[in-house]
Amino acid sequence: MTRYAVIGDPVAHSKSPRIHTLFAEQFTADVQYAAIQVEADGLKSFVDEFFSAGGGGLNVTVPHKESAFALCASTSIQAQLAKAVNTLMLDSNGELFGDNTDGRGIVTDITENHQVAIAGKRVLLVGAGGAARGALPALIEQSPEQIVLVNRTLAKAQTIQNEFADIARVDATSFEALDRKPFDIIINATSLSLHGELPALSPALIAESTCCYDMMYGDSDTVFVSWAKQHGAGVCLDGLGMLVEQAAESFLLWQGKRPETQPVIAALRR
C-alpha cells in the first residue's frame, strides 16, 4: 500500500481523501490517503519525514503552497510561474519535485464541466496568494480579453503583475480603485470563505451573465457563492469541481493514469 496525503492548516474540511479513494477504486489501486494538519513551522520536517518513510505523494493546500515550492529541488513550468505548488513527489533521482495542477483544474471545471468560455472574456481574480498564482498560467492560456488582479495589499498584486509581464498583461489594483463595471468571470482565490468572510467587492461587478467562482467549497454554499446568487450572477460555482479536476491531475502524476472525474463530482454532490 502506498501512502498519500493532503496537508494544510486547516485541513479537516478536505474532501481529498474521499476523492482519491474513489479514484483508486477505478483502477483497483492499493493506496492510502489521509488529510493531515501541518503548521507552518513544521512543514519541512513533515515533508522530509513523509517521503523518507516511503510516502508516494502529497497534495498541498492553504497556507503552504508557496512555502512548499521553496522546498522543491525541481518544479514544473506551471509551478515556476505560480511560485507555488499543490503536488509533491520524488523524481527519478529521489529528489523533491513540485507541480501546480490548480490552474488546469479550475480551467477544466469552468470550460468543460460548466461550458463557460474564458477566451475573450474579462476576468477578475481576487487575491494574490498561492491560489491566485496557481490559476494565472492556465487562465492566461485561455486568451481572455483582460485579467484584473485585485488584492487588499496592492503591492502583492503588483508583484505578480510584474512577474507575469513577459507572458501576458495582468492589471493589478486595490479594492478601493477597482473599476465598478461588471466582469464576465469573477474568481475568488482568497481563503476568506473558510472563515465565513467576503472579499470587499461591490455588487456592481456582477451582471446577469457573470460567472462567479469560489475556489473554496463546503457542504453548503460558501458565503461568496451565496453573495453572488443574492446579486444575480448567472452562474455561481464553488471549488469542488476544481478540487476534483486538480486531484485527477495529481493522480495522473503519481499513478500514470487519469481517472474519470464526473462520477466522483456527482458522488460528492450527493
Protein backbone atom coordinates (compact mmCIF):
# COMPACT_ATOMS: atom_id res chain seq x y z
CA MET A 1 0.00 0.00 0.00
CA THR A 2 1.32 3.42 -0.97
CA ARG A 3 0.65 6.37 1.33
CA TYR A 4 -0.56 9.76 0.09
CA ALA A 5 -1.95 12.77 1.93
CA VAL A 6 -3.13 16.35 1.70
CA ILE A 7 -1.50 18.79 4.11
CA GLY A 8 -2.75 22.21 5.17
CA ASP A 9 -3.89 24.31 8.09
CA PRO A 10 -6.87 23.97 8.37
CA VAL A 11 -7.43 20.71 6.52
CA ALA A 12 -10.16 18.82 8.43
CA HIS A 13 -12.76 20.00 5.89
CA SER A 14 -10.86 18.48 2.95
CA LYS A 15 -12.66 16.08 0.64
CA SER A 16 -9.38 14.96 -0.93
CA PRO A 17 -9.24 11.62 0.93
CA ARG A 18 -12.67 10.69 -0.41
CA ILE A 19 -11.77 11.84 -3.90
CA HIS A 20 -8.55 9.85 -4.10
CA THR A 21 -10.23 6.78 -2.63
CA LEU A 22 -12.81 6.95 -5.43
CA PHE A 23 -10.04 7.45 -7.99
CA ALA A 24 -8.13 4.45 -6.68
CA GLU A 25 -11.26 2.29 -6.92
CA GLN A 26 -11.42 2.98 -10.66
CA PHE A 27 -8.06 1.27 -11.08
CA THR A 28 -8.17 -1.05 -8.04
CA ALA A 29 -5.02 0.74 -6.87
CA ASP A 30 -3.83 -0.07 -3.36
CA VAL A 31 -3.40 3.38 -1.85
CA GLN A 32 -3.98 5.07 1.49
CA TYR A 33 -4.80 8.79 1.51
CA ALA A 34 -5.18 10.98 4.60
CA ALA A 35 -5.76 14.64 5.50
CA ILE A 36 -3.07 15.86 7.88
CA GLN A 37 -2.90 19.23 9.58
CA VAL A 38 0.62 20.65 9.39
CA GLU A 39 1.58 24.01 10.87
CA ALA A 40 3.92 26.36 9.02
CA ASP A 41 6.94 25.81 11.24
CA GLY A 42 6.69 22.03 10.83
CA LEU A 43 6.26 21.89 7.05
CA LYS A 44 9.80 20.99 6.01
CA SER A 45 10.30 18.33 8.67
CA PHE A 46 6.94 16.73 7.86
CA VAL A 47 7.63 16.60 4.11
CA ASP A 48 11.12 15.17 4.68
CA GLU A 49 9.85 12.51 7.06
CA PHE A 50 6.86 11.59 4.88
CA PHE A 51 8.97 10.79 1.83
CA SER A 52 11.78 9.22 3.85
CA ALA A 53 9.18 6.77 5.16
CA GLY A 54 8.17 5.78 1.63
CA GLY A 55 5.26 8.16 1.01
CA GLY A 56 4.11 8.28 -2.60
CA GLY A 57 2.95 11.89 -2.88
CA LEU A 58 1.48 14.90 -1.16
CA ASN A 59 -1.15 17.43 -2.07
CA VAL A 60 -0.59 20.87 -0.56
CA THR A 61 -3.35 23.30 0.34
CA VAL A 62 -3.54 26.67 2.09
CA PRO A 63 -1.42 28.16 3.53
CA HIS A 64 1.58 26.06 2.44
CA LYS A 65 1.65 26.23 -1.38
CA GLU A 66 4.31 28.92 -1.65
CA SER A 67 6.42 27.53 1.19
CA ALA A 68 6.31 24.04 -0.35
CA PHE A 69 7.55 25.48 -3.65
CA ALA A 70 10.71 26.66 -1.88
CA LEU A 71 11.40 23.11 -0.65
CA CYS A 72 11.49 21.57 -4.14
CA ALA A 73 14.67 20.58 -5.96
CA SER A 74 12.79 20.93 -9.27
CA THR A 75 9.36 22.10 -10.38
CA SER A 76 7.10 22.19 -13.43
CA ILE A 77 6.79 25.29 -15.60
CA GLN A 78 3.34 25.92 -14.13
CA ALA A 79 4.76 25.83 -10.62
CA GLN A 80 7.65 28.12 -11.61
CA LEU A 81 5.24 30.71 -12.96
CA ALA A 82 3.00 30.43 -9.93
CA LYS A 83 5.85 30.19 -7.39
CA ALA A 84 3.54 27.76 -5.63
CA VAL A 85 2.94 24.01 -5.70
CA ASN A 86 -0.01 21.84 -4.78
CA THR A 87 1.51 18.46 -5.67
CA LEU A 88 4.72 16.91 -4.39
CA MET A 89 6.52 13.69 -5.31
CA LEU A 90 10.03 12.32 -5.60
CA ASP A 91 11.62 12.36 -9.06
CA SER A 92 13.72 9.57 -10.57
CA ASN A 93 16.72 10.83 -8.61
CA GLY A 94 14.86 10.70 -5.33
CA GLU A 95 14.65 14.49 -5.10
CA LEU A 96 11.56 16.53 -4.32
CA PHE A 97 9.58 17.60 -7.41
CA GLY A 98 6.64 20.02 -7.29
CA ASP A 99 3.84 20.73 -9.74
CA ASN A 100 0.86 23.05 -9.67
CA THR A 101 -2.31 21.47 -11.04
CA ASP A 102 -4.68 24.15 -9.70
CA GLY A 103 -4.79 26.10 -12.96
CA ARG A 104 -5.55 23.05 -15.06
CA GLY A 105 -8.19 22.07 -12.52
CA ILE A 106 -10.11 25.34 -12.49
CA VAL A 107 -9.97 25.83 -16.26
CA THR A 108 -11.23 22.29 -16.88
CA ASP A 109 -14.06 22.78 -14.41
CA ILE A 110 -15.13 26.15 -15.83
CA THR A 111 -14.78 25.43 -19.54
CA GLU A 112 -15.54 21.70 -19.80
CA ASN A 113 -17.74 20.83 -16.84
CA HIS A 114 -19.79 24.04 -16.94
CA GLN A 115 -19.33 25.14 -20.57
CA VAL A 116 -18.30 28.71 -19.63
CA ALA A 117 -15.82 30.17 -22.11
CA ILE A 118 -12.84 32.12 -20.77
CA ALA A 119 -11.47 33.15 -24.18
CA GLY A 120 -12.24 36.78 -24.96
CA LYS A 121 -13.79 37.43 -21.54
CA ARG A 122 -13.00 39.94 -18.79
CA VAL A 123 -11.78 38.05 -15.72
CA LEU A 124 -11.45 39.40 -12.19
CA LEU A 125 -9.13 37.34 -9.99
CA VAL A 126 -9.48 38.15 -6.29
CA GLY A 127 -6.41 37.56 -4.13
CA ALA A 128 -2.66 37.47 -4.66
CA GLY A 129 -1.57 34.36 -2.78
CA GLY A 130 -0.63 30.87 -3.92
CA ALA A 131 -4.13 30.06 -5.20
CA ALA A 132 -4.21 33.09 -7.49
CA ARG A 133 -0.68 32.42 -8.72
CA GLY A 134 -1.58 28.82 -9.42
CA ALA A 135 -4.61 29.75 -11.51
CA LEU A 136 -2.98 32.51 -13.57
CA PRO A 137 -0.87 30.49 -16.06
CA ALA A 138 -3.81 28.33 -17.14
CA LEU A 139 -6.18 31.32 -17.27
CA ILE A 140 -3.71 33.21 -19.48
CA GLU A 141 -3.51 30.21 -21.85
CA GLN A 142 -7.26 30.62 -22.46
CA SER A 143 -6.68 34.08 -24.02
CA PRO A 144 -9.15 36.19 -22.04
CA GLU A 145 -9.68 39.79 -23.12
CA GLN A 146 -8.45 41.06 -19.75
CA ILE A 147 -7.32 39.74 -16.39
CA VAL A 148 -7.61 42.08 -13.43
CA LEU A 149 -5.93 41.06 -10.18
CA VAL A 150 -7.38 42.74 -7.07
CA ASN A 151 -5.91 42.36 -3.61
CA ARG A 152 -6.16 44.01 -0.22
CA THR A 153 -2.41 44.67 -0.33
CA LEU A 154 -1.83 46.31 -3.71
CA ALA A 155 1.93 45.69 -3.63
CA LYS A 156 1.39 41.91 -3.67
CA ALA A 157 -0.84 42.18 -6.73
CA GLN A 158 1.69 44.44 -8.44
CA THR A 159 4.46 41.93 -7.74
CA ILE A 160 2.52 39.24 -9.58
CA GLN A 161 1.69 41.71 -12.36
CA ASN A 162 5.40 42.39 -12.89
CA GLU A 163 6.37 38.72 -12.74
CA PHE A 164 3.88 37.83 -15.48
CA ALA A 165 4.61 40.92 -17.61
CA ASP A 166 6.62 38.97 -20.19
CA ILE A 167 3.82 36.42 -20.61
CA ALA A 168 0.64 38.47 -20.62
CA ARG A 169 -0.84 41.70 -19.39
CA VAL A 170 -2.29 41.41 -15.90
CA ASP A 171 -3.83 44.57 -14.44
CA ALA A 172 -3.27 44.95 -10.69
CA THR A 173 -5.47 47.11 -8.49
CA SER A 174 -6.75 47.59 -4.96
CA PHE A 175 -10.37 47.09 -3.90
CA GLU A 176 -10.77 50.85 -3.49
CA ALA A 177 -9.54 51.61 -7.00
CA LEU A 178 -11.33 48.74 -8.75
CA ASP A 179 -13.49 49.99 -11.62
CA ARG A 180 -17.10 49.09 -10.75
CA LYS A 181 -18.11 47.63 -14.09
CA PRO A 182 -19.41 44.08 -14.46
CA PHE A 183 -16.96 41.31 -15.25
CA ASP A 184 -17.71 38.17 -17.25
CA ILE A 185 -15.96 35.94 -14.70
CA ILE A 186 -15.11 36.66 -11.06
CA ILE A 187 -12.87 34.14 -9.30
CA ASN A 188 -12.40 34.27 -5.55
CA ALA A 189 -8.88 32.95 -4.97
CA THR A 190 -8.77 34.01 -1.31
CA SER A 191 -9.39 31.64 1.61
CA LEU A 192 -11.89 34.03 3.22
CA SER A 193 -14.77 31.63 2.66
CA LEU A 194 -13.16 29.15 5.02
CA HIS A 195 -13.73 31.71 7.77
CA GLY A 196 -17.19 32.82 6.63
CA GLU A 197 -15.90 36.15 5.29
CA LEU A 198 -16.25 38.00 1.99
CA PRO A 199 -13.74 39.99 -0.06
CA ALA A 200 -14.62 43.70 -0.31
CA LEU A 201 -16.34 43.51 -3.70
CA SER A 202 -19.17 45.70 -4.94
CA PRO A 203 -22.33 44.04 -6.31
CA ALA A 204 -21.90 46.39 -9.30
CA LEU A 205 -19.26 43.97 -10.58
CA ILE A 206 -21.95 41.37 -11.25
CA ALA A 207 -24.21 41.19 -14.31
CA GLU A 208 -26.81 38.55 -15.17
CA SER A 209 -24.25 36.87 -17.41
CA THR A 210 -21.43 36.89 -14.84
CA CYS A 211 -19.91 33.61 -13.71
CA CYS A 212 -18.80 33.79 -10.05
CA TYR A 213 -16.41 31.06 -8.96
CA ASP A 214 -15.19 30.43 -5.42
CA MET A 215 -12.07 28.26 -5.20
CA MET A 216 -13.19 27.25 -1.72
CA TYR A 217 -16.07 24.84 -1.12
CA GLY A 218 -18.20 23.48 1.69
CA ASP A 219 -21.13 21.19 2.41
CA SER A 220 -23.41 24.12 1.56
CA ASP A 221 -22.94 27.32 -0.46
CA THR A 222 -19.91 29.34 0.58
CA VAL A 223 -20.54 32.94 1.61
CA PHE A 224 -19.09 34.06 -1.73
CA VAL A 225 -21.43 31.81 -3.72
CA SER A 226 -24.38 33.00 -1.60
CA TRP A 227 -23.37 36.62 -2.21
CA ALA A 228 -23.13 36.01 -5.97
CA LYS A 229 -26.57 34.38 -6.07
CA GLN A 230 -28.06 37.19 -4.00
CA HIS A 231 -26.83 39.76 -6.52
CA GLY A 232 -27.98 37.94 -9.64
CA ALA A 233 -24.89 36.25 -11.10
CA GLY A 234 -25.90 33.92 -13.90
CA VAL A 235 -23.54 31.10 -12.93
CA CYS A 236 -22.45 30.55 -9.31
CA LEU A 237 -19.90 27.81 -8.62
CA ASP A 238 -17.85 26.59 -5.70
CA GLY A 239 -14.45 24.94 -5.99
CA LEU A 240 -15.50 21.30 -5.65
CA GLY A 241 -15.18 20.64 -9.38
CA MET A 242 -11.79 22.33 -9.42
CA LEU A 243 -10.75 20.21 -6.45
CA VAL A 244 -11.66 17.00 -8.25
CA GLU A 245 -10.05 18.07 -11.55
CA GLN A 246 -6.77 19.19 -9.96
CA ALA A 247 -6.77 15.99 -7.91
CA ALA A 248 -7.12 13.96 -11.11
CA GLU A 249 -4.03 15.74 -12.46
CA SER A 250 -2.14 14.86 -9.27
CA PHE A 251 -3.28 11.23 -9.51
CA LEU A 252 -2.02 11.18 -13.11
CA LEU A 253 1.41 12.38 -11.95
CA TRP A 254 1.61 9.76 -9.21
CA GLN A 255 -0.02 6.77 -10.91
CA GLY A 256 0.41 7.49 -14.63
CA LYS A 257 -3.36 7.24 -15.22
CA ARG A 258 -6.02 9.98 -15.22
CA PRO A 259 -9.26 8.91 -13.53
CA GLU A 260 -12.78 9.78 -14.66
CA THR A 261 -13.90 12.87 -12.76
CA GLN A 262 -17.62 13.18 -13.47
CA PRO A 263 -18.68 10.17 -11.35
CA VAL A 264 -16.58 11.49 -8.47
CA ILE A 265 -18.02 15.00 -8.66
CA ALA A 266 -21.53 13.54 -8.78
CA ALA A 267 -20.83 11.30 -5.78
CA LEU A 268 -19.54 14.22 -3.72
CA ARG A 269 -22.53 16.39 -4.65
CA ARG A 270 -24.85 13.64 -3.46
